Amino acid sequence: MAKGYCKKSDIENYLLQTIDASFDAQVNEWISQIEAYIDRYCDRNFIAENGVKKYDGNGTKNILVDDFITITKLTIDDKNIDDYYVYPANTERKYEIYLINDIFSRGHQNIEIEAKWGYSATTPNDIRLAATILVAGIVVFADNLSQQKRSESLGDYTVSYKDDRGWQDFEKAKSILDSYRRITF
């Protein structure tokens, strides 16, 4: 099921053509698959969802965790913790927790965080554009009547564009995704 990184109307507006309603299920499947590709490529989820995650305590006052936008509940060794700061300040996306009066005691999976996990509450506009461009490329490739100028594989899919502008947009979409890619060491 699609998360909503882009919609069929976004693709139609980008292509400047209407996609027949009989293809709605297929277009939605392509959207869902491109969303999964984007999440894997960037190593993050762009629309936050409620959930619980466990982490290992490190014996310090701060811990780095997955992207989140709000914390509902934080427990260390089954003790509720209410006094903490989240960072970075002044951004919707957070990934660090600093304890005011406690430490993240050493242990395996002794930290439990209930939060809204993800990069943001709604899809960032540039991620929406990248998803639209990528799905549009799949639509163009699937159109047997199109005069494709150039094609490239994207995971299990091939994208094509009819002109240089489309190909430049594809390069822009890749650049957008690269800018969001989480780098881990």
N, C-alpha and C. Protein backbone atom coordinates (compact mmCIF):
# COMPACT_ATOMS: atom_id res chain seq x y z
N MET A 1 0.84 -1.18 0.00
CA MET A 1 0.00 0.00 0.00
C MET A 1 0.89 1.25 0.00
N ALA A 2 0.53 2.19 -0.83
CA ALA A 2 1.32 3.41 -0.98
C ALA A 2 1.24 4.28 0.26
N LYS A 3 2.36 4.90 0.62
CA LYS A 3 2.43 5.80 1.77
C LYS A 3 1.94 7.20 1.42
N GLY A 4 2.14 7.59 0.17
CA GLY A 4 1.73 8.93 -0.24
C GLY A 4 2.89 9.83 -0.61
N TYR A 5 4.02 9.26 -1.04
CA TYR A 5 5.15 10.10 -1.46
C TYR A 5 4.77 10.89 -2.72
N CYS A 6 3.90 10.32 -3.54
CA CYS A 6 3.33 11.05 -4.68
C CYS A 6 1.98 10.42 -5.01
N LYS A 7 1.23 11.08 -5.87
CA LYS A 7 -0.09 10.59 -6.26
C LYS A 7 -0.17 10.50 -7.78
N LYS A 8 -1.17 9.78 -8.24
CA LYS A 8 -1.38 9.65 -9.68
C LYS A 8 -1.52 11.02 -10.33
N SER A 9 -2.21 11.94 -9.69
CA SER A 9 -2.38 13.29 -10.25
C SER A 9 -1.04 14.01 -10.39
N ASP A 10 -0.09 13.78 -9.48
CA ASP A 10 1.24 14.37 -9.61
C ASP A 10 1.92 13.86 -10.88
N ILE A 11 1.79 12.56 -11.13
CA ILE A 11 2.41 11.94 -12.30
C ILE A 11 1.77 12.47 -13.58
N GLU A 12 0.44 12.55 -13.58
CA GLU A 12 -0.26 13.08 -14.74
C GLU A 12 0.15 14.53 -15.02
N ASN A 13 0.25 15.33 -13.98
CA ASN A 13 0.66 16.73 -14.16
C ASN A 13 2.10 16.82 -14.67
N TYR A 14 2.96 15.96 -14.19
CA TYR A 14 4.35 15.95 -14.64
C TYR A 14 4.43 15.56 -16.11
N LEU A 15 3.68 14.51 -16.49
CA LEU A 15 3.71 14.02 -17.87
C LEU A 15 2.85 14.85 -18.82
N LEU A 16 2.00 15.70 -18.26
CA LEU A 16 1.04 16.48 -19.04
C LEU A 16 0.15 15.57 -19.88
N GLN A 17 -0.28 14.48 -19.26
CA GLN A 17 -1.21 13.56 -19.91
C GLN A 17 -2.02 12.83 -18.85
N THR A 18 -3.20 12.40 -19.23
CA THR A 18 -4.07 11.65 -18.33
C THR A 18 -3.75 10.17 -18.44
N ILE A 19 -3.69 9.51 -17.29
CA ILE A 19 -3.49 8.07 -17.26
C ILE A 19 -4.87 7.45 -17.06
N ASP A 20 -5.24 6.56 -17.94
CA ASP A 20 -6.56 5.94 -17.90
C ASP A 20 -6.81 5.29 -16.53
N ALA A 21 -8.04 5.43 -16.04
CA ALA A 21 -8.42 4.91 -14.73
C ALA A 21 -8.24 3.39 -14.62
N SER A 22 -8.26 2.69 -15.75
CA SER A 22 -8.07 1.25 -15.71
C SER A 22 -6.65 0.87 -15.26
N PHE A 23 -5.73 1.82 -15.25
CA PHE A 23 -4.36 1.57 -14.81
C PHE A 23 -4.10 2.03 -13.37
N ASP A 24 -5.14 2.45 -12.66
CA ASP A 24 -4.95 2.98 -11.30
C ASP A 24 -4.25 1.99 -10.37
N ALA A 25 -4.67 0.73 -10.40
CA ALA A 25 -4.06 -0.25 -9.51
C ALA A 25 -2.57 -0.41 -9.83
N GLN A 26 -2.23 -0.45 -11.12
CA GLN A 26 -0.84 -0.60 -11.52
C GLN A 26 -0.02 0.63 -11.12
N VAL A 27 -0.55 1.82 -11.34
CA VAL A 27 0.16 3.05 -10.97
C VAL A 27 0.37 3.09 -9.46
N ASN A 28 -0.64 2.72 -8.69
CA ASN A 28 -0.49 2.69 -7.23
C ASN A 28 0.57 1.68 -6.80
N GLU A 29 0.64 0.55 -7.49
CA GLU A 29 1.69 -0.44 -7.19
C GLU A 29 3.07 0.13 -7.49
N TRP A 30 3.22 0.81 -8.62
CA TRP A 30 4.50 1.43 -8.95
C TRP A 30 4.88 2.49 -7.92
N ILE A 31 3.90 3.28 -7.49
CA ILE A 31 4.17 4.30 -6.46
C ILE A 31 4.67 3.62 -5.19
N SER A 32 3.97 2.58 -4.76
CA SER A 32 4.36 1.85 -3.56
C SER A 32 5.77 1.29 -3.68
N GLN A 33 6.10 0.74 -4.83
CA GLN A 33 7.42 0.14 -5.02
C GLN A 33 8.52 1.21 -5.09
N ILE A 34 8.23 2.35 -5.68
CA ILE A 34 9.22 3.45 -5.70
C ILE A 34 9.41 4.00 -4.29
N GLU A 35 8.34 4.07 -3.51
CA GLU A 35 8.47 4.50 -2.11
C GLU A 35 9.41 3.57 -1.34
N ALA A 36 9.24 2.26 -1.54
CA ALA A 36 10.11 1.29 -0.88
C ALA A 36 11.55 1.45 -1.37
N TYR A 37 11.74 1.69 -2.66
CA TYR A 37 13.07 1.92 -3.21
C TYR A 37 13.70 3.16 -2.57
N ILE A 38 12.95 4.24 -2.49
CA ILE A 38 13.46 5.49 -1.89
C ILE A 38 13.85 5.25 -0.44
N ASP A 39 12.99 4.58 0.32
CA ASP A 39 13.29 4.30 1.74
C ASP A 39 14.56 3.47 1.88
N ARG A 40 14.72 2.44 1.05
CA ARG A 40 15.92 1.60 1.11
C ARG A 40 17.16 2.39 0.69
N TYR A 41 17.05 3.14 -0.40
CA TYR A 41 18.19 3.88 -0.93
C TYR A 41 18.66 4.93 0.09
N CYS A 42 17.73 5.64 0.69
CA CYS A 42 18.08 6.71 1.63
C CYS A 42 18.27 6.19 3.06
N ASP A 43 17.86 4.97 3.31
CA ASP A 43 17.91 4.35 4.64
C ASP A 43 17.10 5.17 5.65
N ARG A 44 15.90 5.58 5.23
CA ARG A 44 14.99 6.27 6.13
C ARG A 44 13.57 6.22 5.61
N ASN A 45 12.63 6.48 6.51
CA ASN A 45 11.21 6.53 6.21
C ASN A 45 10.81 8.01 6.21
N PHE A 46 10.19 8.47 5.15
CA PHE A 46 9.91 9.90 5.05
C PHE A 46 8.59 10.33 5.66
N ILE A 47 7.66 9.44 5.89
CA ILE A 47 6.41 9.78 6.56
C ILE A 47 6.37 9.02 7.88
N ALA A 48 6.40 9.77 8.98
CA ALA A 48 6.51 9.17 10.31
C ALA A 48 5.30 8.32 10.65
N GLU A 49 5.57 7.20 11.33
CA GLU A 49 4.54 6.26 11.77
C GLU A 49 4.79 5.90 13.22
N ASN A 50 3.72 5.69 13.96
CA ASN A 50 3.84 5.30 15.37
C ASN A 50 4.43 3.90 15.49
N GLY A 51 5.27 3.72 16.51
CA GLY A 51 5.86 2.42 16.74
C GLY A 51 6.74 2.42 17.98
N VAL A 52 7.22 1.25 18.33
CA VAL A 52 8.11 1.06 19.48
C VAL A 52 9.41 0.44 18.97
N LYS A 53 10.53 0.99 19.44
CA LYS A 53 11.85 0.45 19.08
C LYS A 53 12.67 0.29 20.34
N LYS A 54 13.58 -0.69 20.30
CA LYS A 54 14.48 -0.94 21.43
C LYS A 54 15.91 -0.63 21.00
N TYR A 55 16.68 -0.13 21.98
CA TYR A 55 18.08 0.20 21.75
C TYR A 55 18.91 -0.29 22.91
N ASP A 56 20.20 -0.44 22.67
CA ASP A 56 21.14 -0.81 23.72
C ASP A 56 21.59 0.44 24.46
N GLY A 57 21.58 0.39 25.78
CA GLY A 57 22.10 1.49 26.58
C GLY A 57 23.61 1.57 26.46
N ASN A 58 24.16 2.80 26.51
CA ASN A 58 25.59 2.99 26.30
C ASN A 58 26.33 3.59 27.50
N GLY A 59 25.62 3.82 28.62
CA GLY A 59 26.27 4.35 29.81
C GLY A 59 26.52 5.85 29.78
N THR A 60 25.90 6.57 28.84
CA THR A 60 26.10 8.02 28.74
C THR A 60 24.77 8.75 28.87
N LYS A 61 24.80 10.07 28.80
CA LYS A 61 23.60 10.89 28.93
C LYS A 61 22.87 11.06 27.60
N ASN A 62 23.52 10.69 26.49
CA ASN A 62 22.84 10.86 25.20
C ASN A 62 22.95 9.60 24.36
N ILE A 63 22.00 9.48 23.42
CA ILE A 63 21.97 8.33 22.52
C ILE A 63 21.45 8.79 21.16
N LEU A 64 22.04 8.22 20.11
CA LEU A 64 21.57 8.47 18.75
C LEU A 64 20.62 7.35 18.36
N VAL A 65 19.48 7.71 17.78
CA VAL A 65 18.46 6.74 17.40
C VAL A 65 18.00 7.03 15.97
N ASP A 66 17.08 6.22 15.48
CA ASP A 66 16.50 6.46 14.16
C ASP A 66 15.74 7.77 14.15
N ASP A 67 15.50 8.30 12.94
CA ASP A 67 14.73 9.54 12.80
C ASP A 67 13.37 9.41 13.48
N PHE A 68 12.96 10.46 14.19
CA PHE A 68 11.63 10.52 14.79
C PHE A 68 11.17 11.98 14.83
N ILE A 69 9.87 12.17 14.99
CA ILE A 69 9.38 13.55 15.11
C ILE A 69 8.80 13.84 16.50
N THR A 70 8.30 12.82 17.19
CA THR A 70 7.83 13.00 18.57
C THR A 70 8.04 11.70 19.35
N ILE A 71 8.28 11.86 20.65
CA ILE A 71 8.39 10.71 21.55
C ILE A 71 7.14 10.68 22.42
N THR A 72 6.51 9.52 22.50
CA THR A 72 5.36 9.33 23.36
C THR A 72 5.79 8.81 24.72
N LYS A 73 6.78 7.88 24.70
CA LYS A 73 7.20 7.26 25.95
C LYS A 73 8.65 6.79 25.82
N LEU A 74 9.43 7.05 26.87
CA LEU A 74 10.82 6.61 26.93
C LEU A 74 11.03 5.85 28.23
N THR A 75 11.52 4.61 28.13
CA THR A 75 11.80 3.82 29.33
C THR A 75 13.22 3.29 29.25
N ILE A 76 13.87 3.29 30.43
CA ILE A 76 15.20 2.71 30.57
C ILE A 76 15.09 1.68 31.69
N ASP A 77 15.41 0.44 31.37
CA ASP A 77 15.29 -0.65 32.35
C ASP A 77 13.90 -0.65 33.00
N ASP A 78 12.86 -0.50 32.19
CA ASP A 78 11.46 -0.49 32.61
C ASP A 78 11.07 0.70 33.48
N LYS A 79 11.89 1.74 33.56
CA LYS A 79 11.59 2.96 34.33
C LYS A 79 11.26 4.08 33.35
N ASN A 80 10.08 4.71 33.53
CA ASN A 80 9.69 5.81 32.66
C ASN A 80 10.58 7.02 32.90
N ILE A 81 11.01 7.66 31.81
CA ILE A 81 11.86 8.84 31.86
C ILE A 81 11.10 9.99 31.21
N ASP A 82 11.03 11.12 31.94
CA ASP A 82 10.31 12.28 31.42
C ASP A 82 11.20 13.49 31.18
N ASP A 83 12.39 13.52 31.77
CA ASP A 83 13.26 14.70 31.67
C ASP A 83 14.36 14.48 30.64
N TYR A 84 14.13 14.98 29.43
CA TYR A 84 15.12 14.82 28.37
C TYR A 84 14.93 15.92 27.33
N TYR A 85 15.96 16.12 26.54
CA TYR A 85 15.91 17.01 25.38
C TYR A 85 16.06 16.15 24.13
N VAL A 86 15.50 16.64 23.03
CA VAL A 86 15.66 15.96 21.75
C VAL A 86 16.37 16.91 20.79
N TYR A 87 17.21 16.34 19.94
CA TYR A 87 18.01 17.13 19.01
C TYR A 87 17.96 16.54 17.61
N PRO A 88 18.23 17.37 16.61
CA PRO A 88 18.59 18.77 16.67
C PRO A 88 17.39 19.64 17.02
N ALA A 89 17.67 20.71 17.72
CA ALA A 89 16.62 21.66 18.08
C ALA A 89 16.16 22.40 16.82
N ASN A 90 14.96 22.86 16.84
CA ASN A 90 14.39 23.71 15.79
C ASN A 90 14.23 23.03 14.43
N THR A 91 14.17 21.71 14.41
CA THR A 91 13.84 20.97 13.19
C THR A 91 12.78 19.94 13.54
N GLU A 92 11.99 19.57 12.56
CA GLU A 92 10.96 18.56 12.79
C GLU A 92 11.59 17.20 13.06
N ARG A 93 12.60 16.84 12.29
CA ARG A 93 13.27 15.54 12.43
C ARG A 93 14.26 15.58 13.57
N LYS A 94 14.17 14.60 14.43
CA LYS A 94 15.09 14.44 15.56
C LYS A 94 15.76 13.09 15.46
N TYR A 95 16.93 12.95 16.09
CA TYR A 95 17.61 11.65 16.10
C TYR A 95 18.52 11.48 17.31
N GLU A 96 18.49 12.43 18.23
CA GLU A 96 19.32 12.32 19.43
C GLU A 96 18.49 12.66 20.66
N ILE A 97 18.71 11.90 21.74
CA ILE A 97 18.02 12.15 23.01
C ILE A 97 19.10 12.39 24.06
N TYR A 98 18.93 13.47 24.81
CA TYR A 98 19.86 13.82 25.89
C TYR A 98 19.08 13.79 27.21
N LEU A 99 19.54 13.00 28.15
CA LEU A 99 18.87 12.87 29.45
C LEU A 99 19.36 13.95 30.40
N ILE A 100 18.44 14.58 31.12
CA ILE A 100 18.79 15.65 32.06
C ILE A 100 19.26 15.08 33.39
N ASN A 101 18.53 14.13 33.95
CA ASN A 101 18.82 13.63 35.30
C ASN A 101 19.23 12.16 35.36
N ASP A 102 19.36 11.50 34.23
CA ASP A 102 19.66 10.07 34.20
C ASP A 102 20.75 9.80 33.18
N ILE A 103 21.10 8.52 33.04
CA ILE A 103 21.96 8.07 31.95
C ILE A 103 21.28 6.88 31.29
N PHE A 104 21.69 6.62 30.05
CA PHE A 104 21.23 5.43 29.35
C PHE A 104 22.09 4.27 29.85
N SER A 105 21.65 3.62 30.92
CA SER A 105 22.45 2.57 31.55
C SER A 105 22.84 1.50 30.54
N ARG A 106 24.04 0.98 30.72
CA ARG A 106 24.54 -0.06 29.80
C ARG A 106 23.63 -1.29 29.86
N GLY A 107 23.38 -1.84 28.69
CA GLY A 107 22.57 -3.04 28.62
C GLY A 107 22.14 -3.32 27.20
N HIS A 108 21.66 -4.51 26.97
CA HIS A 108 21.20 -4.91 25.65
C HIS A 108 19.69 -4.74 25.58
N GLN A 109 19.25 -3.93 24.65
CA GLN A 109 17.83 -3.67 24.40
C GLN A 109 17.09 -3.26 25.68
N ASN A 110 17.76 -2.49 26.52
CA ASN A 110 17.14 -2.02 27.77
C ASN A 110 16.51 -0.64 27.62
N ILE A 111 16.62 -0.03 26.44
CA ILE A 111 16.00 1.26 26.16
C ILE A 111 14.81 0.98 25.24
N GLU A 112 13.63 1.43 25.64
CA GLU A 112 12.44 1.27 24.81
C GLU A 112 11.85 2.64 24.54
N ILE A 113 11.64 2.95 23.27
CA ILE A 113 11.13 4.26 22.88
C ILE A 113 9.88 4.07 22.03
N GLU A 114 8.80 4.65 22.50
CA GLU A 114 7.56 4.70 21.72
C GLU A 114 7.54 6.09 21.10
N ALA A 115 7.48 6.14 19.76
CA ALA A 115 7.60 7.42 19.08
C ALA A 115 6.89 7.39 17.74
N LYS A 116 6.85 8.54 17.13
CA LYS A 116 6.41 8.65 15.74
C LYS A 116 7.71 8.66 14.93
N TRP A 117 8.05 7.48 14.38
CA TRP A 117 9.32 7.25 13.73
C TRP A 117 9.27 7.65 12.27
N GLY A 118 10.21 8.46 11.85
CA GLY A 118 10.31 8.87 10.46
C GLY A 118 10.88 10.27 10.34
N TYR A 119 11.07 10.70 9.11
CA TYR A 119 11.72 11.97 8.80
C TYR A 119 10.82 13.17 9.03
N SER A 120 9.52 13.04 8.70
CA SER A 120 8.60 14.17 8.83
C SER A 120 7.16 13.67 8.86
N ALA A 121 6.25 14.57 9.22
CA ALA A 121 4.83 14.21 9.28
C ALA A 121 4.25 14.06 7.88
N THR A 122 4.75 14.83 6.95
CA THR A 122 4.30 14.75 5.55
C THR A 122 5.53 14.63 4.65
N THR A 123 5.32 14.18 3.44
CA THR A 123 6.43 13.99 2.52
C THR A 123 7.09 15.33 2.19
N PRO A 124 8.41 15.43 2.35
CA PRO A 124 9.10 16.65 1.91
C PRO A 124 8.84 16.89 0.42
N ASN A 125 8.69 18.15 0.03
CA ASN A 125 8.34 18.48 -1.36
C ASN A 125 9.33 17.93 -2.38
N ASP A 126 10.62 17.96 -2.07
CA ASP A 126 11.58 17.47 -3.04
C ASP A 126 11.56 15.94 -3.16
N ILE A 127 11.23 15.25 -2.08
CA ILE A 127 11.06 13.79 -2.15
C ILE A 127 9.81 13.47 -2.98
N ARG A 128 8.77 14.27 -2.82
CA ARG A 128 7.56 14.11 -3.63
C ARG A 128 7.89 14.26 -5.12
N LEU A 129 8.71 15.27 -5.44
CA LEU A 129 9.12 15.48 -6.83
C LEU A 129 9.94 14.30 -7.34
N ALA A 130 10.90 13.83 -6.54
CA ALA A 130 11.73 12.69 -6.95
C ALA A 130 10.87 11.46 -7.20
N ALA A 131 9.94 11.17 -6.31
CA ALA A 131 9.05 10.01 -6.48
C ALA A 131 8.22 10.16 -7.75
N THR A 132 7.71 11.35 -7.99
CA THR A 132 6.91 11.62 -9.19
C THR A 132 7.72 11.37 -10.45
N ILE A 133 8.95 11.89 -10.48
CA ILE A 133 9.81 11.72 -11.66
C ILE A 133 10.11 10.25 -11.90
N LEU A 134 10.41 9.51 -10.83
CA LEU A 134 10.76 8.10 -10.99
C LEU A 134 9.57 7.27 -11.46
N VAL A 135 8.40 7.49 -10.88
CA VAL A 135 7.22 6.74 -11.33
C VAL A 135 6.85 7.14 -12.75
N ALA A 136 6.98 8.41 -13.08
CA ALA A 136 6.69 8.85 -14.45
C ALA A 136 7.62 8.14 -15.44
N GLY A 137 8.87 7.93 -15.07
CA GLY A 137 9.79 7.20 -15.93
C GLY A 137 9.36 5.76 -16.17
N ILE A 138 8.80 5.14 -15.14
CA ILE A 138 8.28 3.77 -15.30
C ILE A 138 7.06 3.78 -16.22
N VAL A 139 6.19 4.77 -16.05
CA VAL A 139 4.99 4.88 -16.90
C VAL A 139 5.41 5.05 -18.35
N VAL A 140 6.38 5.91 -18.62
CA VAL A 140 6.84 6.13 -19.99
C VAL A 140 7.44 4.85 -20.56
N PHE A 141 8.23 4.13 -19.76
CA PHE A 141 8.83 2.88 -20.23
C PHE A 141 7.75 1.85 -20.55
N ALA A 142 6.70 1.81 -19.74
CA ALA A 142 5.62 0.84 -19.93
C ALA A 142 4.76 1.16 -21.14
N ASP A 143 4.80 2.40 -21.59
CA ASP A 143 4.00 2.83 -22.74
C ASP A 143 4.70 2.37 -24.02
N ASN A 144 4.21 1.29 -24.61
CA ASN A 144 4.84 0.72 -25.80
C ASN A 144 4.84 1.66 -26.99
N LEU A 145 3.98 2.66 -26.98
CA LEU A 145 3.89 3.58 -28.11
C LEU A 145 4.87 4.75 -27.99
N SER A 146 5.53 4.88 -26.85
CA SER A 146 6.39 6.04 -26.64
C SER A 146 7.68 5.92 -27.45
N GLN A 147 8.26 7.02 -27.74
CA GLN A 147 9.55 7.09 -28.42
C GLN A 147 10.58 7.43 -27.34
N GLN A 148 11.08 6.40 -26.66
CA GLN A 148 11.97 6.62 -25.54
C GLN A 148 13.35 7.03 -26.04
N LYS A 149 13.86 8.09 -25.43
CA LYS A 149 15.18 8.58 -25.80
C LYS A 149 16.28 7.80 -25.09
N ARG A 150 16.06 7.48 -23.82
CA ARG A 150 17.09 6.84 -23.01
C ARG A 150 16.43 6.10 -21.87
N SER A 151 17.03 4.98 -21.46
CA SER A 151 16.48 4.18 -20.35
C SER A 151 17.60 3.85 -19.38
N GLU A 152 17.21 3.60 -18.13
CA GLU A 152 18.16 3.17 -17.11
C GLU A 152 17.43 2.30 -16.10
N SER A 153 18.13 1.30 -15.58
CA SER A 153 17.56 0.43 -14.56
C SER A 153 17.61 1.10 -13.21
N LEU A 154 16.56 0.90 -12.45
CA LEU A 154 16.44 1.45 -11.11
C LEU A 154 15.93 0.32 -10.24
N GLY A 155 16.83 -0.45 -9.66
CA GLY A 155 16.41 -1.63 -8.91
C GLY A 155 15.81 -2.63 -9.88
N ASP A 156 14.58 -3.05 -9.60
CA ASP A 156 13.89 -4.02 -10.45
C ASP A 156 13.15 -3.36 -11.61
N TYR A 157 13.24 -2.04 -11.74
CA TYR A 157 12.47 -1.31 -12.74
C TYR A 157 13.37 -0.60 -13.72
N THR A 158 12.81 -0.29 -14.87
CA THR A 158 13.50 0.51 -15.86
C THR A 158 12.70 1.78 -16.05
N VAL A 159 13.41 2.90 -16.06
CA VAL A 159 12.77 4.18 -16.30
C VAL A 159 13.25 4.70 -17.65
N SER A 160 12.36 5.41 -18.35
CA SER A 160 12.68 5.99 -19.65
C SER A 160 12.08 7.38 -19.73
N TYR A 161 12.71 8.20 -20.53
CA TYR A 161 12.21 9.56 -20.75
C TYR A 161 12.31 9.85 -22.23
N LYS A 162 11.37 10.64 -22.72
CA LYS A 162 11.26 10.90 -24.15
C LYS A 162 12.22 11.97 -24.64
N ASP A 163 12.70 12.81 -23.75
CA ASP A 163 13.53 13.93 -24.19
C ASP A 163 14.61 14.24 -23.15
N ASP A 164 15.49 15.17 -23.50
CA ASP A 164 16.58 15.54 -22.60
C ASP A 164 16.07 16.14 -21.30
N ARG A 165 14.96 16.88 -21.34
CA ARG A 165 14.42 17.47 -20.12
C ARG A 165 14.04 16.37 -19.13
N GLY A 166 13.40 15.32 -19.61
CA GLY A 166 13.03 14.21 -18.75
C GLY A 166 14.25 13.54 -18.15
N TRP A 167 15.30 13.39 -18.97
CA TRP A 167 16.51 12.76 -18.46
C TRP A 167 17.20 13.66 -17.43
N GLN A 168 17.19 14.96 -17.66
CA GLN A 168 17.75 15.90 -16.68
C GLN A 168 16.96 15.83 -15.37
N ASP A 169 15.65 15.68 -15.47
CA ASP A 169 14.82 15.54 -14.27
C ASP A 169 15.17 14.25 -13.53
N PHE A 170 15.43 13.17 -14.26
CA PHE A 170 15.84 11.91 -13.64
C PHE A 170 17.14 12.12 -12.86
N GLU A 171 18.10 12.80 -13.45
CA GLU A 171 19.36 13.09 -12.76
C GLU A 171 19.11 13.95 -11.52
N LYS A 172 18.16 14.88 -11.63
CA LYS A 172 17.80 15.72 -10.47
C LYS A 172 17.18 14.86 -9.37
N ALA A 173 16.32 13.91 -9.74
CA ALA A 173 15.70 13.02 -8.75
C ALA A 173 16.77 12.22 -8.02
N LYS A 174 17.75 11.70 -8.75
CA LYS A 174 18.84 10.95 -8.12
C LYS A 174 19.62 11.86 -7.17
N SER A 175 19.84 13.09 -7.57
CA SER A 175 20.57 14.05 -6.73
C SER A 175 19.79 14.36 -5.45
N ILE A 176 18.48 14.50 -5.56
CA ILE A 176 17.64 14.74 -4.39
C ILE A 176 17.77 13.57 -3.41
N LEU A 177 17.65 12.35 -3.93
CA LEU A 177 17.76 11.17 -3.06
C LEU A 177 19.14 11.09 -2.41
N ASP A 178 20.18 11.40 -3.17
CA ASP A 178 21.54 11.39 -2.60
C ASP A 178 21.65 12.36 -1.44
N SER A 179 20.97 13.51 -1.52
CA SER A 179 21.07 14.51 -0.45
C SER A 179 20.40 14.06 0.85
N TYR A 180 19.49 13.10 0.78
CA TYR A 180 18.80 12.58 1.95
C TYR A 180 19.38 11.27 2.46
N ARG A 181 20.33 10.72 1.74
CA ARG A 181 20.87 9.42 2.07
C ARG A 181 21.58 9.45 3.41
N ARG A 182 21.19 8.51 4.28
CA ARG A 182 21.83 8.41 5.60
C ARG A 182 23.15 7.67 5.42
N ILE A 183 24.20 8.28 5.91
CA ILE A 183 25.53 7.69 5.81
C ILE A 183 25.85 7.07 7.19
N THR A 184 26.12 5.79 7.19
CA THR A 184 26.47 5.10 8.43
C THR A 184 27.86 4.51 8.30
N PHE A 185 28.55 4.48 9.40
CA PHE A 185 29.92 3.96 9.41
C PHE A 185 29.98 2.71 10.23
